[in-house]
């Protein structure tokens, strides 16, 4: 299985690296970072770059695509080079996936009409603009389209994907290899459980 992860300026690093780590550990799977042109692409903190080793045209028909989100999502919602690649790749994929606000790019490419989908809580309702039904879940599977909630949910999505694309034992083996056993010190990972007033402070970190 060949996985392609498109990078664009100001993507969120964990959106890409979380699923990358899960899927790159899967036996027989390989992952390629792609971009408008090969080379380093800097994340939304401005301090970390990942290297795209191929341009979009070099990887026209991957088996899986994982579209990350980030502040830069809003700068590329009309980027036809990226949206066109997503749209064309989707015609051939076994799985088309996104993390965080990456689902807005799937929507902008015309892939979410009539589907349930999720995203980061801060932009979840924006999915309605693309004909999707927003749902507040960690990972949402609709046929071959899989969307994940914000940032860290990309790991959950990738394990969900791996279980469906291969089998649960493979996904569990990768989970154990990564020691993915989340036990957060606070119950503040969702607007539903976070202390009052924290959502506004969190938004200031991501805009």
N, C-alpha and C. Protein backbone atom coordinates (compact mmCIF):
# COMPACT_ATOMS: atom_id res chain seq x y z
N UNK A 1 0.85 -1.19 0.00
CA UNK A 1 0.00 0.00 0.00
C UNK A 1 0.89 1.25 0.00
N UNK A 2 0.60 2.13 -0.91
CA UNK A 2 1.37 3.38 -1.02
C UNK A 2 0.51 4.52 -0.49
N UNK A 3 1.01 5.20 0.52
CA UNK A 3 0.31 6.31 1.16
C UNK A 3 0.99 7.62 0.74
N UNK A 4 0.20 8.60 0.33
CA UNK A 4 0.73 9.92 0.01
C UNK A 4 0.15 10.95 0.97
N UNK A 5 1.01 11.77 1.54
CA UNK A 5 0.60 12.83 2.46
C UNK A 5 1.01 14.16 1.85
N UNK A 6 0.06 14.98 1.41
CA UNK A 6 0.42 16.27 0.83
C UNK A 6 0.77 17.29 1.91
N UNK A 7 1.82 18.04 1.66
CA UNK A 7 2.25 19.09 2.57
C UNK A 7 2.07 20.45 1.89
N UNK A 8 1.72 21.43 2.68
CA UNK A 8 1.59 22.80 2.19
C UNK A 8 2.02 23.73 3.32
N UNK A 9 2.41 24.96 3.03
CA UNK A 9 2.92 25.84 4.08
C UNK A 9 1.94 26.00 5.24
N UNK A 10 2.47 25.91 6.45
CA UNK A 10 1.73 26.09 7.69
C UNK A 10 0.74 24.95 7.95
N UNK A 11 1.11 23.73 7.57
CA UNK A 11 0.36 22.55 8.00
C UNK A 11 0.72 22.29 9.47
N UNK A 12 -0.11 21.50 10.15
CA UNK A 12 0.20 21.13 11.53
C UNK A 12 1.01 19.84 11.53
N UNK A 13 2.16 19.86 12.16
CA UNK A 13 3.10 18.75 12.04
C UNK A 13 2.51 17.42 12.49
N UNK A 14 1.83 17.38 13.64
CA UNK A 14 1.33 16.10 14.13
C UNK A 14 0.22 15.55 13.25
N UNK A 15 -0.50 16.42 12.56
CA UNK A 15 -1.52 15.95 11.61
C UNK A 15 -0.90 15.01 10.58
N UNK A 16 0.32 15.34 10.16
CA UNK A 16 1.01 14.52 9.17
C UNK A 16 1.84 13.42 9.81
N UNK A 17 2.55 13.76 10.87
CA UNK A 17 3.52 12.83 11.45
C UNK A 17 2.83 11.71 12.23
N UNK A 18 1.71 12.00 12.88
CA UNK A 18 0.99 10.95 13.61
C UNK A 18 0.59 9.81 12.70
N UNK A 19 -0.22 10.09 11.65
CA UNK A 19 -0.57 9.02 10.71
C UNK A 19 0.64 8.43 9.99
N UNK A 20 1.61 9.28 9.66
CA UNK A 20 2.82 8.77 9.01
C UNK A 20 3.47 7.68 9.86
N UNK A 21 3.62 7.93 11.15
CA UNK A 21 4.30 6.97 12.01
C UNK A 21 3.53 5.67 12.09
N UNK A 22 2.22 5.76 12.25
CA UNK A 22 1.39 4.55 12.31
C UNK A 22 1.51 3.75 11.01
N UNK A 23 1.30 4.41 9.88
CA UNK A 23 1.23 3.70 8.61
C UNK A 23 2.60 3.27 8.11
N UNK A 24 3.64 4.03 8.45
CA UNK A 24 4.99 3.64 8.03
C UNK A 24 5.47 2.40 8.77
N UNK A 25 4.90 2.14 9.95
CA UNK A 25 5.25 0.94 10.70
C UNK A 25 4.51 -0.29 10.18
N UNK A 26 3.46 -0.09 9.40
CA UNK A 26 2.66 -1.22 8.93
C UNK A 26 3.46 -2.03 7.90
N UNK A 27 3.55 -3.33 8.07
CA UNK A 27 4.30 -4.16 7.12
C UNK A 27 3.77 -4.02 5.70
N UNK A 28 4.67 -3.74 4.77
CA UNK A 28 4.29 -3.65 3.37
C UNK A 28 3.74 -2.30 2.95
N UNK A 29 3.66 -1.35 3.87
CA UNK A 29 3.16 -0.02 3.54
C UNK A 29 4.35 0.94 3.40
N UNK A 30 4.23 1.89 2.49
CA UNK A 30 5.24 2.94 2.38
C UNK A 30 4.53 4.28 2.26
N UNK A 31 5.18 5.31 2.75
CA UNK A 31 4.58 6.64 2.81
C UNK A 31 5.48 7.63 2.08
N UNK A 32 4.86 8.47 1.25
CA UNK A 32 5.58 9.52 0.54
C UNK A 32 4.95 10.86 0.89
N UNK A 33 5.79 11.82 1.28
CA UNK A 33 5.32 13.19 1.45
C UNK A 33 5.42 13.88 0.09
N UNK A 34 4.32 14.50 -0.34
CA UNK A 34 4.29 15.20 -1.62
C UNK A 34 3.96 16.67 -1.38
N UNK A 35 4.29 17.51 -2.35
CA UNK A 35 3.99 18.94 -2.27
C UNK A 35 3.97 19.50 -3.68
N UNK A 36 3.70 20.79 -3.79
CA UNK A 36 3.67 21.42 -5.10
C UNK A 36 5.00 21.21 -5.82
N UNK A 37 6.08 21.22 -5.04
CA UNK A 37 7.39 20.87 -5.58
C UNK A 37 8.20 20.22 -4.47
N UNK A 38 9.13 19.34 -4.81
CA UNK A 38 9.91 18.67 -3.78
C UNK A 38 10.73 19.66 -2.97
N UNK A 39 10.94 19.31 -1.69
CA UNK A 39 11.75 20.15 -0.83
C UNK A 39 11.10 20.33 0.52
N UNK A 40 11.72 21.11 1.40
CA UNK A 40 11.19 21.29 2.75
C UNK A 40 9.94 22.16 2.75
N UNK A 41 8.99 21.78 3.62
CA UNK A 41 7.76 22.56 3.82
C UNK A 41 7.65 22.82 5.31
N UNK A 42 7.45 24.08 5.69
CA UNK A 42 7.48 24.47 7.09
C UNK A 42 6.09 24.45 7.71
N UNK A 43 6.04 24.01 8.96
CA UNK A 43 4.76 23.82 9.64
C UNK A 43 4.21 25.15 10.17
N UNK A 44 3.07 25.06 10.87
CA UNK A 44 2.37 26.27 11.32
C UNK A 44 3.01 26.92 12.54
N UNK A 45 3.99 26.29 13.14
CA UNK A 45 4.75 26.94 14.20
C UNK A 45 5.96 27.68 13.65
N UNK A 46 6.28 27.41 12.40
CA UNK A 46 7.38 28.10 11.75
C UNK A 46 8.76 27.60 12.12
N UNK A 47 8.83 26.47 12.83
CA UNK A 47 10.12 26.01 13.33
C UNK A 47 10.46 24.58 12.92
N UNK A 48 9.54 23.90 12.27
CA UNK A 48 9.77 22.51 11.87
C UNK A 48 9.42 22.36 10.40
N UNK A 49 10.30 21.73 9.65
CA UNK A 49 10.03 21.47 8.24
C UNK A 49 10.10 19.97 7.98
N UNK A 50 9.18 19.49 7.16
CA UNK A 50 9.24 18.14 6.63
C UNK A 50 9.60 18.23 5.16
N UNK A 51 10.28 17.24 4.67
CA UNK A 51 10.74 17.27 3.28
C UNK A 51 9.82 16.45 2.39
N UNK A 52 9.24 17.11 1.42
CA UNK A 52 8.49 16.41 0.38
C UNK A 52 9.49 15.86 -0.63
N UNK A 53 9.41 14.57 -0.88
CA UNK A 53 10.36 13.95 -1.81
C UNK A 53 9.79 13.83 -3.22
N UNK A 54 8.55 14.28 -3.40
CA UNK A 54 7.92 14.19 -4.71
C UNK A 54 6.94 15.35 -4.87
N UNK A 55 6.65 15.70 -6.11
CA UNK A 55 5.59 16.67 -6.38
C UNK A 55 4.30 15.90 -6.66
N UNK A 56 3.19 16.64 -6.75
CA UNK A 56 1.91 15.99 -6.95
C UNK A 56 1.91 15.08 -8.17
N UNK A 57 2.47 15.57 -9.27
CA UNK A 57 2.44 14.81 -10.52
C UNK A 57 3.22 13.51 -10.42
N UNK A 58 4.17 13.44 -9.51
CA UNK A 58 4.98 12.22 -9.36
C UNK A 58 4.20 11.08 -8.72
N UNK A 59 3.12 11.43 -8.00
CA UNK A 59 2.34 10.41 -7.28
C UNK A 59 0.87 10.60 -7.63
N UNK A 60 0.46 10.22 -8.84
CA UNK A 60 -0.91 10.50 -9.28
C UNK A 60 -1.96 9.54 -8.74
N UNK A 61 -1.54 8.33 -8.37
CA UNK A 61 -2.55 7.32 -8.02
C UNK A 61 -2.13 6.50 -6.79
N UNK A 62 -1.94 7.15 -5.64
CA UNK A 62 -1.62 6.40 -4.42
C UNK A 62 -2.80 5.57 -3.97
N UNK A 63 -2.52 4.57 -3.16
CA UNK A 63 -3.60 3.75 -2.60
C UNK A 63 -4.34 4.49 -1.50
N UNK A 64 -3.62 5.34 -0.77
CA UNK A 64 -4.19 6.08 0.35
C UNK A 64 -3.67 7.50 0.31
N UNK A 65 -4.53 8.47 0.59
CA UNK A 65 -4.05 9.82 0.83
C UNK A 65 -4.47 10.25 2.23
N UNK A 66 -3.59 10.99 2.89
CA UNK A 66 -3.86 11.53 4.23
C UNK A 66 -3.62 13.03 4.14
N UNK A 67 -4.69 13.82 4.20
CA UNK A 67 -4.59 15.26 4.04
C UNK A 67 -4.55 15.92 5.42
N UNK A 68 -3.42 16.51 5.81
CA UNK A 68 -3.33 17.15 7.12
C UNK A 68 -4.00 18.51 7.11
N UNK A 69 -4.25 19.02 8.31
CA UNK A 69 -4.79 20.36 8.46
C UNK A 69 -3.74 21.31 8.98
N UNK A 70 -4.19 22.45 9.49
CA UNK A 70 -3.29 23.46 10.01
C UNK A 70 -3.79 24.85 9.66
N UNK A 71 -3.16 25.85 10.21
CA UNK A 71 -3.53 27.22 9.92
C UNK A 71 -3.47 27.49 8.41
N UNK A 72 -2.50 26.86 7.75
CA UNK A 72 -2.34 27.06 6.32
C UNK A 72 -3.45 26.51 5.47
N UNK A 73 -4.33 25.70 6.05
CA UNK A 73 -5.46 25.15 5.30
C UNK A 73 -6.22 26.26 4.59
N UNK A 74 -6.43 27.36 5.30
CA UNK A 74 -7.27 28.42 4.76
C UNK A 74 -6.60 29.15 3.60
N UNK A 75 -5.30 29.03 3.51
CA UNK A 75 -4.57 29.65 2.40
C UNK A 75 -4.65 28.81 1.12
N UNK A 76 -5.00 27.54 1.25
CA UNK A 76 -4.98 26.65 0.07
C UNK A 76 -6.37 26.10 -0.27
N UNK A 77 -7.41 26.67 0.32
CA UNK A 77 -8.77 26.20 0.01
C UNK A 77 -9.16 26.44 -1.44
N UNK A 78 -8.43 27.33 -2.10
CA UNK A 78 -8.69 27.58 -3.52
C UNK A 78 -7.48 27.22 -4.39
N UNK A 79 -6.56 26.45 -3.83
CA UNK A 79 -5.35 26.05 -4.55
C UNK A 79 -5.68 24.87 -5.45
N UNK A 80 -5.92 25.15 -6.73
CA UNK A 80 -6.38 24.09 -7.63
C UNK A 80 -5.32 23.02 -7.86
N UNK A 81 -4.05 23.37 -7.72
CA UNK A 81 -3.01 22.34 -7.87
C UNK A 81 -3.19 21.27 -6.80
N UNK A 82 -3.40 21.70 -5.56
CA UNK A 82 -3.61 20.75 -4.47
C UNK A 82 -4.99 20.10 -4.56
N UNK A 83 -6.02 20.89 -4.73
CA UNK A 83 -7.38 20.33 -4.78
C UNK A 83 -7.55 19.39 -5.98
N UNK A 84 -6.96 19.78 -7.10
CA UNK A 84 -7.04 18.91 -8.28
C UNK A 84 -6.35 17.58 -8.05
N UNK A 85 -5.19 17.63 -7.37
CA UNK A 85 -4.49 16.38 -7.07
C UNK A 85 -5.33 15.51 -6.13
N UNK A 86 -5.93 16.11 -5.10
CA UNK A 86 -6.78 15.35 -4.19
C UNK A 86 -7.93 14.72 -4.95
N UNK A 87 -8.57 15.51 -5.81
CA UNK A 87 -9.74 15.04 -6.57
C UNK A 87 -9.36 13.89 -7.49
N UNK A 88 -8.26 14.03 -8.21
CA UNK A 88 -7.84 12.99 -9.15
C UNK A 88 -7.34 11.75 -8.42
N UNK A 89 -6.59 11.96 -7.34
CA UNK A 89 -6.11 10.81 -6.57
C UNK A 89 -7.27 10.01 -6.00
N UNK A 90 -8.30 10.72 -5.55
CA UNK A 90 -9.48 10.07 -4.96
C UNK A 90 -10.13 9.09 -5.93
N UNK A 91 -10.01 9.34 -7.21
CA UNK A 91 -10.60 8.43 -8.20
C UNK A 91 -9.95 7.06 -8.15
N UNK A 92 -8.72 6.98 -7.65
CA UNK A 92 -7.96 5.73 -7.66
C UNK A 92 -7.72 5.16 -6.26
N UNK A 93 -7.92 5.95 -5.22
CA UNK A 93 -7.55 5.49 -3.89
C UNK A 93 -8.43 4.36 -3.39
N UNK A 94 -7.85 3.58 -2.52
CA UNK A 94 -8.64 2.66 -1.71
C UNK A 94 -9.22 3.39 -0.51
N UNK A 95 -8.46 4.40 -0.02
CA UNK A 95 -8.88 5.19 1.13
C UNK A 95 -8.46 6.63 0.93
N UNK A 96 -9.38 7.54 1.19
CA UNK A 96 -9.10 8.98 1.16
C UNK A 96 -9.37 9.52 2.55
N UNK A 97 -8.35 10.09 3.20
CA UNK A 97 -8.48 10.45 4.61
C UNK A 97 -7.98 11.86 4.87
N UNK A 98 -8.38 12.37 6.03
CA UNK A 98 -7.92 13.70 6.45
C UNK A 98 -7.79 13.74 7.95
N UNK A 99 -7.04 14.73 8.40
CA UNK A 99 -6.87 14.98 9.83
C UNK A 99 -7.17 16.45 10.08
N UNK A 100 -7.91 16.74 11.14
CA UNK A 100 -8.15 18.11 11.57
C UNK A 100 -8.81 18.89 10.42
N UNK A 101 -8.37 20.12 10.18
CA UNK A 101 -9.00 20.95 9.15
C UNK A 101 -8.67 20.46 7.74
N UNK A 102 -7.90 19.40 7.61
CA UNK A 102 -7.69 18.78 6.31
C UNK A 102 -9.00 18.33 5.68
N UNK A 103 -10.02 18.07 6.50
CA UNK A 103 -11.32 17.69 5.95
C UNK A 103 -11.93 18.83 5.14
N UNK A 104 -11.60 20.08 5.47
CA UNK A 104 -12.08 21.20 4.67
C UNK A 104 -11.53 21.12 3.25
N UNK A 105 -10.32 20.63 3.11
CA UNK A 105 -9.73 20.46 1.77
C UNK A 105 -10.43 19.34 1.01
N UNK A 106 -10.81 18.27 1.71
CA UNK A 106 -11.61 17.25 1.04
C UNK A 106 -12.93 17.84 0.58
N UNK A 107 -13.52 18.68 1.45
CA UNK A 107 -14.77 19.32 1.08
C UNK A 107 -14.60 20.26 -0.10
N UNK A 108 -13.54 21.06 -0.09
CA UNK A 108 -13.29 22.00 -1.18
C UNK A 108 -13.03 21.28 -2.49
N UNK A 109 -12.53 20.04 -2.39
CA UNK A 109 -12.30 19.22 -3.59
C UNK A 109 -13.58 18.54 -4.06
N UNK A 110 -14.67 18.72 -3.30
CA UNK A 110 -15.96 18.17 -3.70
C UNK A 110 -16.19 16.73 -3.30
N UNK A 111 -15.51 16.27 -2.25
CA UNK A 111 -15.58 14.85 -1.89
C UNK A 111 -16.48 14.53 -0.71
N UNK A 112 -17.05 15.56 -0.05
CA UNK A 112 -17.78 15.29 1.19
C UNK A 112 -19.28 15.50 1.08
N UNK A 113 -19.79 15.81 -0.08
CA UNK A 113 -21.22 16.06 -0.23
C UNK A 113 -22.06 14.88 0.24
N UNK A 114 -22.96 15.13 1.21
CA UNK A 114 -23.85 14.09 1.71
C UNK A 114 -23.23 13.13 2.70
N UNK A 115 -21.97 13.36 3.08
CA UNK A 115 -21.29 12.46 4.00
C UNK A 115 -21.22 13.04 5.41
N UNK A 116 -21.21 12.18 6.40
CA UNK A 116 -20.86 12.58 7.75
C UNK A 116 -19.35 12.77 7.78
N UNK A 117 -18.90 13.80 8.48
CA UNK A 117 -17.45 14.06 8.53
C UNK A 117 -17.13 14.83 9.80
N UNK A 118 -15.86 14.80 10.17
CA UNK A 118 -15.43 15.52 11.36
C UNK A 118 -14.20 16.36 11.04
N UNK A 119 -13.82 17.18 12.02
CA UNK A 119 -12.68 18.07 11.87
C UNK A 119 -12.33 18.59 13.26
N UNK A 120 -11.40 19.52 13.34
CA UNK A 120 -11.11 20.18 14.61
C UNK A 120 -12.36 20.90 15.09
N UNK A 121 -12.61 20.89 16.38
CA UNK A 121 -13.83 21.48 16.92
C UNK A 121 -14.00 22.94 16.53
N UNK A 122 -12.89 23.65 16.32
CA UNK A 122 -12.98 25.07 16.01
C UNK A 122 -13.55 25.35 14.62
N UNK A 123 -13.45 24.39 13.73
CA UNK A 123 -13.91 24.60 12.35
C UNK A 123 -14.96 23.58 11.93
N UNK A 124 -15.44 22.79 12.88
CA UNK A 124 -16.33 21.68 12.55
C UNK A 124 -17.54 22.13 11.73
N UNK A 125 -18.17 23.22 12.14
CA UNK A 125 -19.39 23.65 11.46
C UNK A 125 -19.13 24.12 10.03
N UNK A 126 -17.89 24.45 9.71
CA UNK A 126 -17.57 24.87 8.34
C UNK A 126 -17.80 23.76 7.34
N UNK A 127 -17.83 22.52 7.80
CA UNK A 127 -18.05 21.40 6.88
C UNK A 127 -19.40 21.49 6.19
N UNK A 128 -20.36 22.17 6.81
CA UNK A 128 -21.68 22.31 6.19
C UNK A 128 -21.59 23.06 4.86
N UNK A 129 -20.60 23.95 4.76
CA UNK A 129 -20.43 24.72 3.51
C UNK A 129 -20.13 23.81 2.33
N UNK A 130 -19.67 22.60 2.62
CA UNK A 130 -19.31 21.66 1.56
C UNK A 130 -20.29 20.50 1.45
N UNK A 131 -21.45 20.68 2.06
CA UNK A 131 -22.51 19.67 1.94
C UNK A 131 -22.34 18.48 2.85
N UNK A 132 -21.42 18.58 3.81
CA UNK A 132 -21.20 17.47 4.75
C UNK A 132 -22.04 17.67 6.01
N UNK A 133 -22.24 16.58 6.74
CA UNK A 133 -22.91 16.63 8.03
C UNK A 133 -21.84 16.56 9.11
N UNK A 134 -21.58 17.66 9.83
CA UNK A 134 -20.53 17.66 10.85
C UNK A 134 -20.91 16.78 12.04
N UNK A 135 -19.99 15.95 12.48
CA UNK A 135 -20.20 15.11 13.66
C UNK A 135 -18.97 15.21 14.55
N UNK A 136 -19.20 15.26 15.83
CA UNK A 136 -18.10 15.40 16.79
C UNK A 136 -17.65 14.02 17.25
N UNK A 137 -16.82 13.38 16.43
CA UNK A 137 -16.28 12.05 16.73
C UNK A 137 -14.80 12.05 16.39
N UNK A 138 -14.04 11.14 16.99
CA UNK A 138 -12.60 11.09 16.76
C UNK A 138 -12.27 10.71 15.32
N UNK A 139 -12.95 9.72 14.80
CA UNK A 139 -12.74 9.29 13.42
C UNK A 139 -14.07 8.86 12.84
N UNK A 140 -14.34 9.28 11.62
CA UNK A 140 -15.62 8.99 10.97
C UNK A 140 -15.33 8.29 9.65
N UNK A 141 -15.89 7.11 9.48
CA UNK A 141 -15.69 6.32 8.26
C UNK A 141 -16.96 6.38 7.43
N UNK A 142 -16.84 6.83 6.21
CA UNK A 142 -17.96 6.88 5.26
C UNK A 142 -17.49 6.29 3.94
N UNK A 143 -17.77 5.01 3.74
CA UNK A 143 -17.22 4.36 2.56
C UNK A 143 -15.72 4.35 2.65
N UNK A 144 -15.07 4.89 1.60
CA UNK A 144 -13.60 4.91 1.63
C UNK A 144 -13.05 6.24 2.14
N UNK A 145 -13.95 7.13 2.58
CA UNK A 145 -13.52 8.42 3.12
C UNK A 145 -13.49 8.36 4.64
N UNK A 146 -12.34 8.70 5.21
CA UNK A 146 -12.18 8.66 6.66
C UNK A 146 -11.67 10.03 7.11
N UNK A 147 -12.42 10.69 7.98
CA UNK A 147 -11.98 11.99 8.51
C UNK A 147 -11.70 11.86 9.99
N UNK A 148 -10.73 12.64 10.46
CA UNK A 148 -10.35 12.61 11.88
C UNK A 148 -10.58 14.00 12.48
N UNK A 149 -10.82 14.02 13.76
CA UNK A 149 -10.95 15.28 14.49
C UNK A 149 -9.57 15.94 14.60
N UNK A 150 -9.40 16.83 15.56
CA UNK A 150 -8.20 17.64 15.61
C UNK A 150 -6.92 16.91 15.96
N UNK A 151 -5.88 17.20 15.21
CA UNK A 151 -4.47 16.92 15.47
C UNK A 151 -4.21 15.50 15.98
N UNK A 152 -4.32 15.30 17.30
CA UNK A 152 -3.97 14.01 17.89
C UNK A 152 -4.87 12.88 17.40
N UNK A 153 -6.08 13.23 16.93
CA UNK A 153 -7.01 12.21 16.45
C UNK A 153 -6.51 11.52 15.19
N UNK A 154 -5.49 12.10 14.55
CA UNK A 154 -4.94 11.46 13.37
C UNK A 154 -4.34 10.10 13.66
N UNK A 155 -3.83 9.92 14.87
CA UNK A 155 -3.30 8.61 15.26
C UNK A 155 -4.44 7.60 15.36
N UNK A 156 -5.54 7.99 15.98
CA UNK A 156 -6.71 7.12 16.08
C UNK A 156 -7.22 6.77 14.69
N UNK A 157 -7.28 7.78 13.82
CA UNK A 157 -7.77 7.55 12.47
C UNK A 157 -6.90 6.55 11.73
N UNK A 158 -5.57 6.71 11.85
CA UNK A 158 -4.66 5.82 11.13
C UNK A 158 -4.77 4.39 11.62
N UNK A 159 -4.95 4.20 12.92
CA UNK A 159 -5.14 2.85 13.45
C UNK A 159 -6.48 2.27 12.98
N UNK A 160 -7.51 3.10 12.95
CA UNK A 160 -8.81 2.66 12.43
C UNK A 160 -8.69 2.24 10.98
N UNK A 161 -7.98 3.06 10.21
CA UNK A 161 -7.77 2.76 8.80
C UNK A 161 -7.01 1.46 8.62
N UNK A 162 -5.94 1.29 9.39
CA UNK A 162 -5.11 0.10 9.26
C UNK A 162 -5.90 -1.16 9.59
N UNK A 163 -6.76 -1.08 10.60
CA UNK A 163 -7.59 -2.24 10.97
C UNK A 163 -8.52 -2.61 9.83
N UNK A 164 -9.07 -1.62 9.15
CA UNK A 164 -10.00 -1.90 8.06
C UNK A 164 -9.29 -2.32 6.78
N UNK A 165 -8.14 -1.69 6.52
CA UNK A 165 -7.43 -2.00 5.28
C UNK A 165 -6.66 -3.31 5.36
N UNK A 166 -6.18 -3.65 6.55
CA UNK A 166 -5.47 -4.91 6.76
C UNK A 166 -6.27 -5.80 7.69
N UNK A 167 -6.06 -5.66 8.97
CA UNK A 167 -6.81 -6.42 9.97
C UNK A 167 -6.54 -5.82 11.34
N UNK A 168 -7.37 -6.17 12.31
CA UNK A 168 -7.23 -5.59 13.64
C UNK A 168 -5.92 -5.99 14.31
N UNK A 169 -5.46 -7.21 14.06
CA UNK A 169 -4.22 -7.65 14.70
C UNK A 169 -3.04 -6.79 14.25
N UNK A 170 -3.00 -6.47 12.96
CA UNK A 170 -1.92 -5.61 12.47
C UNK A 170 -2.00 -4.24 13.13
N UNK A 171 -3.19 -3.68 13.20
CA UNK A 171 -3.36 -2.37 13.83
C UNK A 171 -2.97 -2.42 15.31
N UNK A 172 -3.37 -3.47 15.98
CA UNK A 172 -3.03 -3.60 17.40
C UNK A 172 -1.53 -3.77 17.60
N UNK A 173 -0.90 -4.49 16.68
CA UNK A 173 0.55 -4.70 16.77
C UNK A 173 1.29 -3.37 16.62
N UNK A 174 0.86 -2.56 15.65
CA UNK A 174 1.47 -1.25 15.46
C UNK A 174 1.20 -0.37 16.68
N UNK A 175 -0.01 -0.41 17.19
CA UNK A 175 -0.33 0.38 18.39
C UNK A 175 0.59 0.02 19.55
N UNK A 176 0.83 -1.27 19.73
CA UNK A 176 1.70 -1.71 20.81
C UNK A 176 3.15 -1.31 20.54
N UNK A 177 3.58 -1.44 19.30
CA UNK A 177 4.95 -1.05 18.96
C UNK A 177 5.19 0.42 19.27
N UNK A 178 4.17 1.23 19.06
CA UNK A 178 4.29 2.67 19.32
C UNK A 178 3.98 3.02 20.77
N UNK A 179 3.56 2.02 21.55
CA UNK A 179 3.11 2.23 22.92
C UNK A 179 2.09 3.38 22.98
N UNK A 180 1.13 3.30 22.08
CA UNK A 180 0.07 4.31 22.06
C UNK A 180 -0.98 3.90 23.09
N UNK A 181 -0.82 4.42 24.28
CA UNK A 181 -1.66 4.08 25.43
C UNK A 181 -2.03 5.37 26.15
N UNK A 182 -2.83 6.23 25.49
CA UNK A 182 -3.04 7.58 26.00
C UNK A 182 -3.72 7.61 27.37
N UNK A 183 -3.10 8.32 28.27
CA UNK A 183 -3.64 8.55 29.61
C UNK A 183 -3.39 10.01 29.96
N UNK A 184 -4.12 10.92 29.34
CA UNK A 184 -3.84 12.35 29.52
C UNK A 184 -3.99 12.78 30.97
N UNK A 185 -3.15 13.71 31.41
CA UNK A 185 -3.20 14.14 32.80
C UNK A 185 -4.42 14.98 33.13
N UNK A 186 -5.10 15.50 32.09
CA UNK A 186 -6.27 16.35 32.32
C UNK A 186 -7.40 15.94 31.40
N UNK A 187 -8.62 16.14 31.83
CA UNK A 187 -9.78 15.88 31.00
C UNK A 187 -10.18 17.18 30.31
N UNK A 188 -9.26 17.70 29.53
CA UNK A 188 -9.47 19.00 28.90
C UNK A 188 -9.25 18.93 27.39
N UNK A 189 -9.36 17.75 26.81
CA UNK A 189 -9.08 17.57 25.40
C UNK A 189 -10.25 17.84 24.49
N UNK A 190 -11.39 18.24 25.04
CA UNK A 190 -12.59 18.51 24.26
C UNK A 190 -13.29 19.72 24.85
N UNK A 191 -13.94 20.53 24.01
CA UNK A 191 -14.71 21.65 24.55
C UNK A 191 -15.81 21.21 25.51
N UNK A 192 -16.23 19.96 25.37
CA UNK A 192 -17.30 19.45 26.24
C UNK A 192 -16.81 19.22 27.67
N UNK A 193 -15.52 18.98 27.83
CA UNK A 193 -15.00 18.63 29.15
C UNK A 193 -14.02 19.65 29.71
N UNK A 194 -13.52 20.54 28.88
CA UNK A 194 -12.53 21.53 29.33
C UNK A 194 -13.17 22.54 30.28
N UNK A 195 -12.40 23.09 31.20
CA UNK A 195 -12.92 24.12 32.11
C UNK A 195 -13.48 25.32 31.34
N UNK A 196 -14.44 25.98 31.92
CA UNK A 196 -15.06 27.15 31.30
C UNK A 196 -14.01 28.20 30.96
N UNK A 197 -14.14 28.79 29.79
CA UNK A 197 -13.23 29.84 29.36
C UNK A 197 -11.97 29.36 28.68
N UNK A 198 -11.70 28.06 28.73
CA UNK A 198 -10.45 27.54 28.16
C UNK A 198 -10.48 27.53 26.63
N UNK A 199 -11.67 27.39 26.06
CA UNK A 199 -11.77 27.31 24.60
C UNK A 199 -11.24 28.58 23.94
N UNK A 200 -11.56 29.74 24.50
CA UNK A 200 -11.07 30.99 23.92
C UNK A 200 -9.55 31.07 23.98
N UNK A 201 -8.98 30.63 25.11
CA UNK A 201 -7.53 30.64 25.24
C UNK A 201 -6.89 29.67 24.24
N UNK A 202 -7.53 28.52 24.05
CA UNK A 202 -7.00 27.54 23.10
C UNK A 202 -7.05 28.08 21.68
N UNK A 203 -8.12 28.79 21.35
CA UNK A 203 -8.24 29.35 19.99
C UNK A 203 -7.12 30.33 19.70
N UNK A 204 -6.70 31.08 20.72
CA UNK A 204 -5.61 32.03 20.52
C UNK A 204 -4.29 31.33 20.21
N UNK A 205 -4.17 30.07 20.59
CA UNK A 205 -2.95 29.32 20.29
C UNK A 205 -2.90 28.85 18.84
N UNK A 206 -4.05 28.73 18.21
CA UNK A 206 -4.09 28.09 16.89
C UNK A 206 -4.50 29.02 15.77
N UNK A 207 -4.64 30.30 16.06
CA UNK A 207 -4.98 31.23 14.98
C UNK A 207 -3.91 32.31 14.89
